[in-house]
């Protein structure tokens, strides 16, 4: 399964979710994108959209 993790900084307990995702990595493909970057350009957002569309599960932390 392709799992996409979007780091948004919105959830105070994100570390728990991140730890759980790390445990899933041997069995599943887990990709992470940090949305908190202030220097994101249109191409970066295009990559985010493509990653969301290409994933089986998207989790926001």
N, C-alpha and C. Protein backbone atom coordinates (compact mmCIF):
# COMPACT_ATOMS: atom_id res chain seq x y z
N UNK A 1 0.85 -1.17 0.00
CA UNK A 1 0.00 0.00 0.00
C UNK A 1 0.90 1.24 0.00
N UNK A 2 0.49 2.25 -0.76
CA UNK A 2 1.19 3.53 -0.78
C UNK A 2 0.52 4.46 0.22
N UNK A 3 1.28 4.89 1.22
CA UNK A 3 0.76 5.79 2.24
C UNK A 3 1.50 7.12 2.12
N UNK A 4 0.76 8.20 2.10
CA UNK A 4 1.34 9.53 2.02
C UNK A 4 1.08 10.24 3.35
N UNK A 5 2.13 10.76 3.92
CA UNK A 5 2.05 11.53 5.16
C UNK A 5 2.30 13.00 4.83
N UNK A 6 1.35 13.84 5.14
CA UNK A 6 1.49 15.28 4.93
C UNK A 6 1.72 15.95 6.27
N UNK A 7 2.89 16.51 6.47
CA UNK A 7 3.21 17.22 7.71
C UNK A 7 2.61 18.62 7.61
N UNK A 8 1.62 18.90 8.43
CA UNK A 8 0.97 20.21 8.39
C UNK A 8 1.24 21.03 9.65
N UNK A 9 1.60 20.36 10.73
CA UNK A 9 1.80 21.07 11.99
C UNK A 9 0.50 21.41 12.69
N UNK A 10 -0.62 20.85 12.25
CA UNK A 10 -1.93 21.19 12.81
C UNK A 10 -2.33 20.33 14.00
N UNK A 11 -1.71 19.18 14.15
CA UNK A 11 -2.16 18.24 15.17
C UNK A 11 -1.12 18.09 16.28
N UNK A 12 -1.51 18.31 17.52
CA UNK A 12 -0.56 18.28 18.62
C UNK A 12 0.02 16.88 18.90
N UNK A 13 -0.67 15.84 18.50
CA UNK A 13 -0.20 14.47 18.77
C UNK A 13 0.38 13.82 17.51
N UNK A 14 0.94 14.62 16.64
CA UNK A 14 1.47 14.11 15.38
C UNK A 14 2.58 13.09 15.59
N UNK A 15 3.36 13.24 16.64
CA UNK A 15 4.47 12.31 16.89
C UNK A 15 3.99 10.87 17.03
N UNK A 16 2.83 10.67 17.63
CA UNK A 16 2.28 9.33 17.79
C UNK A 16 1.95 8.72 16.42
N UNK A 17 1.35 9.51 15.56
CA UNK A 17 1.02 9.03 14.21
C UNK A 17 2.29 8.76 13.42
N UNK A 18 3.26 9.65 13.52
CA UNK A 18 4.53 9.46 12.81
C UNK A 18 5.21 8.17 13.27
N UNK A 19 5.21 7.91 14.56
CA UNK A 19 5.82 6.69 15.09
C UNK A 19 5.10 5.45 14.55
N UNK A 20 3.78 5.51 14.46
CA UNK A 20 3.02 4.38 13.92
C UNK A 20 3.33 4.17 12.45
N UNK A 21 3.46 5.25 11.71
CA UNK A 21 3.79 5.12 10.28
C UNK A 21 5.17 4.52 10.08
N UNK A 22 6.11 4.87 10.94
CA UNK A 22 7.46 4.30 10.83
C UNK A 22 7.44 2.79 11.03
N UNK A 23 6.52 2.32 11.86
CA UNK A 23 6.40 0.88 12.08
C UNK A 23 5.79 0.18 10.87
N UNK A 24 5.04 0.92 10.05
CA UNK A 24 4.43 0.35 8.85
C UNK A 24 5.38 0.29 7.66
N UNK A 25 6.48 1.04 7.73
CA UNK A 25 7.37 1.16 6.58
C UNK A 25 7.91 -0.17 6.04
N UNK A 26 8.21 -1.15 6.86
CA UNK A 26 8.71 -2.40 6.26
C UNK A 26 7.70 -3.09 5.35
N UNK A 27 6.42 -2.94 5.64
CA UNK A 27 5.39 -3.63 4.87
C UNK A 27 4.73 -2.75 3.81
N UNK A 28 4.85 -1.43 3.95
CA UNK A 28 4.17 -0.50 3.06
C UNK A 28 5.13 0.61 2.65
N UNK A 29 4.83 1.23 1.53
CA UNK A 29 5.63 2.39 1.09
C UNK A 29 5.04 3.64 1.73
N UNK A 30 5.84 4.32 2.54
CA UNK A 30 5.38 5.53 3.23
C UNK A 30 6.23 6.71 2.72
N UNK A 31 5.57 7.67 2.08
CA UNK A 31 6.22 8.89 1.62
C UNK A 31 5.75 10.04 2.50
N UNK A 32 6.62 11.01 2.72
CA UNK A 32 6.29 12.16 3.55
C UNK A 32 6.57 13.45 2.81
N UNK A 33 5.69 14.41 2.98
CA UNK A 33 5.88 15.75 2.43
C UNK A 33 5.62 16.75 3.54
N UNK A 34 6.54 17.69 3.70
CA UNK A 34 6.40 18.73 4.73
C UNK A 34 5.72 19.95 4.12
N UNK A 35 4.49 20.19 4.52
CA UNK A 35 3.73 21.33 4.00
C UNK A 35 4.03 22.62 4.75
N UNK A 36 4.84 22.54 5.79
CA UNK A 36 5.13 23.72 6.62
C UNK A 36 6.17 24.64 6.00
N UNK A 37 6.81 24.19 4.93
CA UNK A 37 7.83 25.03 4.29
C UNK A 37 7.21 26.31 3.74
N UNK A 38 7.84 27.40 3.99
CA UNK A 38 7.32 28.70 3.52
C UNK A 38 7.77 29.02 2.10
N UNK A 39 8.70 28.24 1.56
CA UNK A 39 9.23 28.52 0.24
C UNK A 39 8.62 27.63 -0.84
N UNK A 40 7.45 27.05 -0.58
CA UNK A 40 6.82 26.16 -1.56
C UNK A 40 6.36 26.95 -2.78
N UNK A 41 6.70 26.43 -3.94
CA UNK A 41 6.34 27.05 -5.21
C UNK A 41 5.23 26.24 -5.86
N UNK A 42 4.72 26.72 -6.98
CA UNK A 42 3.65 26.02 -7.68
C UNK A 42 4.04 24.58 -8.02
N UNK A 43 5.29 24.38 -8.41
CA UNK A 43 5.74 23.03 -8.75
C UNK A 43 5.69 22.10 -7.54
N UNK A 44 6.00 22.64 -6.37
CA UNK A 44 5.93 21.85 -5.14
C UNK A 44 4.49 21.44 -4.84
N UNK A 45 3.56 22.37 -5.02
CA UNK A 45 2.15 22.06 -4.78
C UNK A 45 1.62 21.07 -5.81
N UNK A 46 2.13 21.17 -7.05
CA UNK A 46 1.76 20.18 -8.07
C UNK A 46 2.22 18.79 -7.64
N UNK A 47 3.41 18.72 -7.05
CA UNK A 47 3.93 17.44 -6.56
C UNK A 47 3.06 16.90 -5.42
N UNK A 48 2.59 17.79 -4.55
CA UNK A 48 1.71 17.38 -3.45
C UNK A 48 0.42 16.78 -4.01
N UNK A 49 -0.19 17.47 -4.96
CA UNK A 49 -1.44 16.97 -5.56
C UNK A 49 -1.21 15.63 -6.24
N UNK A 50 -0.13 15.50 -6.99
CA UNK A 50 0.18 14.23 -7.66
C UNK A 50 0.39 13.11 -6.64
N UNK A 51 1.05 13.43 -5.55
CA UNK A 51 1.30 12.42 -4.51
C UNK A 51 0.00 11.98 -3.84
N UNK A 52 -0.91 12.93 -3.61
CA UNK A 52 -2.21 12.59 -3.02
C UNK A 52 -2.98 11.68 -3.96
N UNK A 53 -3.02 12.04 -5.23
CA UNK A 53 -3.76 11.24 -6.20
C UNK A 53 -3.14 9.86 -6.40
N UNK A 54 -1.84 9.75 -6.20
CA UNK A 54 -1.16 8.48 -6.40
C UNK A 54 -1.08 7.59 -5.17
N UNK A 55 -1.60 8.06 -4.06
CA UNK A 55 -1.52 7.27 -2.83
C UNK A 55 -2.81 6.50 -2.58
N UNK A 56 -2.66 5.41 -1.84
CA UNK A 56 -3.83 4.64 -1.42
C UNK A 56 -4.45 5.23 -0.15
N UNK A 57 -3.61 5.86 0.66
CA UNK A 57 -4.04 6.44 1.93
C UNK A 57 -3.24 7.70 2.19
N UNK A 58 -3.91 8.78 2.51
CA UNK A 58 -3.23 10.04 2.85
C UNK A 58 -3.55 10.38 4.30
N UNK A 59 -2.49 10.64 5.07
CA UNK A 59 -2.62 10.99 6.48
C UNK A 59 -1.98 12.34 6.71
N UNK A 60 -2.71 13.22 7.38
CA UNK A 60 -2.18 14.55 7.70
C UNK A 60 -1.79 14.57 9.16
N UNK A 61 -0.56 15.01 9.42
CA UNK A 61 -0.07 15.10 10.79
C UNK A 61 0.23 16.55 11.14
